[in-house]
């Protein structure tokens, strides 16, 4: 990850994991499961018309800033368009969370997905999440992020956060944040997300 993005990116990721921007952010857990590399639009994909995560919506359409902030947010979208293919290896030591993080490489991610994808919930409770595979006990879903995209002054930012827990359990959405008094705060500009 470029050094000029690192500190702010990890501060944003650390804020969003236990927050209310994603399903089960406040679920009981003893560890966080996180994909070890940020997700990105495939190289053959077009940034302006697709999002990087499963069923995701493009931020050009799903984020609507107020009129007076559109020029500022256009800088974030330009950064997204320039970097939507970039993937970064994440460093668990740079997160600031009260619970440990377990990074899953591609093989571990496949084991998690295979462990939960064949779960069939009871007919009267189709929204129940599958049991976590024994290897990943203590987690409540597998989380993922894109890179963080910024305006020129790094005071406005956007990332997509995802959480998959198997079967019909998962959510992916863009989050726009603003830095005020050295803290990142989510803005209510996102009008679309993907949930299963």
Protein backbone atom coordinates (compact mmCIF):
# COMPACT_ATOMS: atom_id res chain seq x y z
CA UNK A 1 0.00 0.00 0.00
CA UNK A 2 1.41 3.44 -0.85
CA UNK A 3 2.80 5.13 2.26
CA UNK A 4 0.75 8.30 1.72
CA UNK A 5 -2.47 6.19 2.02
CA UNK A 6 -1.43 3.74 4.70
CA UNK A 7 -2.18 5.50 7.99
CA UNK A 8 -5.59 6.83 6.94
CA UNK A 9 -6.57 3.54 5.26
CA UNK A 10 -5.89 1.45 8.37
CA UNK A 11 -7.65 4.02 10.58
CA UNK A 12 -10.72 3.72 8.33
CA UNK A 13 -10.62 -0.08 8.21
CA UNK A 14 -10.26 -0.21 12.00
CA UNK A 15 -13.25 2.08 12.45
CA UNK A 16 -15.50 0.20 10.04
CA UNK A 17 -14.99 -3.39 11.17
CA UNK A 18 -16.70 -3.07 14.57
CA UNK A 19 -19.10 -0.37 13.41
CA UNK A 20 -22.66 -0.36 12.16
CA UNK A 21 -21.84 0.04 8.46
CA UNK A 22 -22.08 -3.69 7.80
CA UNK A 23 -24.23 -6.56 8.98
CA UNK A 24 -23.01 -8.19 12.17
CA UNK A 25 -20.48 -5.48 12.98
CA UNK A 26 -21.55 -5.81 16.60
CA UNK A 27 -22.07 -9.61 16.66
CA UNK A 28 -20.40 -11.63 19.39
CA UNK A 29 -16.97 -12.84 18.29
CA UNK A 30 -13.51 -13.53 19.64
CA UNK A 31 -11.65 -12.74 16.41
CA UNK A 32 -12.08 -10.95 13.11
CA UNK A 33 -11.67 -12.88 9.86
CA UNK A 34 -10.43 -10.67 7.04
CA UNK A 35 -9.28 -11.36 3.50
CA UNK A 36 -5.55 -10.65 3.48
CA UNK A 37 -5.63 -8.66 0.24
CA UNK A 38 -7.97 -5.85 -0.76
CA UNK A 39 -10.45 -6.70 -3.49
CA UNK A 40 -10.51 -4.79 -6.75
CA UNK A 41 -12.23 -4.50 -10.09
CA UNK A 42 -10.74 -7.17 -12.39
CA UNK A 43 -8.23 -5.80 -14.89
CA UNK A 44 -10.64 -6.45 -17.76
CA UNK A 45 -13.39 -4.54 -15.91
CA UNK A 46 -14.24 -0.87 -16.34
CA UNK A 47 -14.02 1.19 -13.15
CA UNK A 48 -16.81 3.58 -14.05
CA UNK A 49 -19.35 0.79 -14.58
CA UNK A 50 -18.60 -1.89 -12.01
CA UNK A 51 -17.77 -2.51 -8.38
CA UNK A 52 -15.17 -4.96 -7.11
CA UNK A 53 -17.21 -7.10 -4.70
CA UNK A 54 -19.88 -9.76 -5.10
CA UNK A 55 -22.99 -8.11 -6.48
CA UNK A 56 -21.63 -4.68 -5.64
CA UNK A 57 -22.96 -1.45 -7.02
CA UNK A 58 -20.83 1.15 -8.71
CA UNK A 59 -20.10 4.21 -6.54
CA UNK A 60 -20.80 6.51 -9.49
CA UNK A 61 -24.46 5.53 -9.13
CA UNK A 62 -24.88 4.39 -5.51
CA UNK A 63 -23.27 7.36 -3.73
CA UNK A 64 -25.09 10.71 -3.86
CA UNK A 65 -23.36 13.60 -2.09
CA UNK A 66 -25.26 16.83 -1.48
CA UNK A 67 -25.00 19.42 -4.24
CA UNK A 68 -22.49 21.56 -2.37
CA UNK A 69 -20.11 18.57 -1.92
CA UNK A 70 -20.30 17.09 -5.42
CA UNK A 71 -17.09 18.68 -6.69
CA UNK A 72 -15.19 17.41 -3.65
CA UNK A 73 -16.63 13.91 -4.05
CA UNK A 74 -15.77 13.99 -7.75
CA UNK A 75 -12.11 13.94 -6.63
CA UNK A 76 -12.78 10.70 -4.71
CA UNK A 77 -14.47 9.15 -7.75
CA UNK A 78 -11.52 10.21 -9.92
CA UNK A 79 -9.19 8.47 -7.45
CA UNK A 80 -11.41 5.37 -7.60
CA UNK A 81 -11.36 5.41 -11.42
CA UNK A 82 -7.56 5.70 -11.38
CA UNK A 83 -6.99 2.97 -8.75
CA UNK A 84 -9.97 0.58 -8.84
CA UNK A 85 -7.72 -2.24 -10.11
CA UNK A 86 -5.15 -1.79 -7.30
CA UNK A 87 -4.88 -4.60 -4.74
CA UNK A 88 -2.93 -4.29 -1.51
CA UNK A 89 -1.64 -6.89 0.92
CA UNK A 90 -3.01 -5.99 4.36
CA UNK A 91 -0.87 -6.00 7.52
CA UNK A 92 -2.77 -7.13 10.64
CA UNK A 93 -0.34 -5.28 12.91
CA UNK A 94 -1.54 -1.94 11.52
CA UNK A 95 -5.18 -2.40 12.60
CA UNK A 96 -6.31 -0.88 15.90
CA UNK A 97 -8.93 -3.27 17.25
CA UNK A 98 -9.66 -4.81 20.63
CA UNK A 99 -9.94 -8.32 19.13
CA UNK A 100 -7.27 -10.15 17.14
CA UNK A 101 -7.44 -10.27 13.35
CA UNK A 102 -6.90 -13.45 11.41
CA UNK A 103 -5.96 -12.80 7.80
CA UNK A 104 -7.15 -15.39 5.30
CA UNK A 105 -5.16 -16.00 2.16
CA UNK A 106 -6.91 -17.41 -0.92
CA UNK A 107 -6.67 -21.04 0.22
CA UNK A 108 -8.04 -20.27 3.71
CA UNK A 109 -10.79 -18.11 2.18
CA UNK A 110 -11.85 -21.06 0.00
CA UNK A 111 -11.92 -23.35 3.07
CA UNK A 112 -14.14 -20.86 4.89
CA UNK A 113 -16.50 -20.42 1.93
CA UNK A 114 -16.71 -24.16 1.29
CA UNK A 115 -17.42 -24.74 4.97
CA UNK A 116 -20.43 -22.42 5.03
CA UNK A 117 -21.80 -22.51 1.47
CA UNK A 118 -23.54 -25.88 1.69
CA UNK A 119 -25.42 -25.02 4.87
CA UNK A 120 -29.19 -25.41 4.58
CA UNK A 121 -31.08 -23.43 7.23
CA UNK A 122 -34.30 -24.73 8.73
CA UNK A 123 -37.31 -23.97 6.51
CA UNK A 124 -38.76 -21.67 9.15
CA UNK A 125 -35.56 -19.61 9.50
CA UNK A 126 -33.95 -19.12 6.09
CA UNK A 127 -32.03 -16.03 7.27
CA UNK A 128 -30.10 -17.92 9.96
CA UNK A 129 -26.38 -17.81 9.35
CA UNK A 130 -24.59 -21.13 8.98
CA UNK A 131 -22.38 -22.42 11.73
CA UNK A 132 -18.80 -21.22 11.45
CA UNK A 133 -16.46 -24.04 10.38
CA UNK A 134 -14.41 -25.36 13.32
CA UNK A 135 -11.19 -23.99 11.86
CA UNK A 136 -12.62 -20.46 12.10
CA UNK A 137 -14.51 -20.66 15.41
CA UNK A 138 -14.96 -17.37 17.18
CA UNK A 139 -15.56 -15.40 14.00
CA UNK A 140 -18.84 -13.96 12.75
CA UNK A 141 -18.37 -13.77 9.00
CA UNK A 142 -15.49 -13.15 6.63
CA UNK A 143 -14.83 -9.46 5.97
CA UNK A 144 -13.19 -7.76 3.02
CA UNK A 145 -12.27 -4.26 1.88
CA UNK A 146 -11.31 -2.46 -1.28
CA UNK A 147 -8.50 0.05 -1.25
CA UNK A 148 -9.49 3.40 0.23
CA UNK A 149 -10.01 6.18 -2.32
CA UNK A 150 -9.43 9.82 -1.34
CA UNK A 151 -9.95 13.40 -2.38
CA UNK A 152 -6.80 15.48 -2.95
CA UNK A 153 -6.53 16.65 0.67
CA UNK A 154 -7.28 13.20 2.15
CA UNK A 155 -10.21 14.59 4.15
CA UNK A 156 -12.89 12.67 2.24
CA UNK A 157 -12.59 8.94 1.62
CA UNK A 158 -14.51 5.95 0.29
CA UNK A 159 -14.12 2.18 0.54
CA UNK A 160 -16.31 -0.83 0.00
CA UNK A 161 -16.70 -3.20 2.94
CA UNK A 162 -18.03 -6.72 2.58
CA UNK A 163 -19.08 -9.50 4.92
CA UNK A 164 -19.89 -13.05 3.88
CA UNK A 165 -21.21 -15.64 6.29
CA UNK A 166 -22.56 -18.31 3.94
CA UNK A 167 -25.87 -19.30 2.42
CA UNK A 168 -28.10 -16.23 2.22
CA UNK A 169 -25.94 -14.32 4.68
CA UNK A 170 -23.79 -11.47 3.42
CA UNK A 171 -23.61 -7.76 2.72
CA UNK A 172 -21.45 -5.46 0.60
CA UNK A 173 -21.64 -1.66 0.57
CA UNK A 174 -19.74 1.51 -0.10
CA UNK A 175 -18.96 3.80 2.82
CA UNK A 176 -18.00 7.46 2.47
CA UNK A 177 -16.16 9.06 5.37
CA UNK A 178 -15.02 12.55 6.29
CA UNK A 179 -12.10 13.44 8.55
CA UNK A 180 -12.95 15.96 11.25
CA UNK A 181 -10.87 16.65 14.36
CA UNK A 182 -8.51 13.82 13.36
CA UNK A 183 -11.37 11.27 13.39
CA UNK A 184 -13.13 9.57 10.48
CA UNK A 185 -16.94 9.80 10.43
CA UNK A 186 -19.28 8.00 8.02
CA UNK A 187 -21.50 10.22 5.88
CA UNK A 188 -25.09 9.32 4.88
CA UNK A 189 -24.43 9.54 1.15
CA UNK A 190 -24.76 5.87 0.16
CA UNK A 191 -28.13 4.90 -1.29
CA UNK A 192 -27.48 1.38 -2.45
CA UNK A 193 -25.93 -1.82 -1.16
CA UNK A 194 -26.02 -5.53 -1.81
CA UNK A 195 -27.41 -7.90 0.79
CA UNK A 196 -28.22 -11.58 0.68
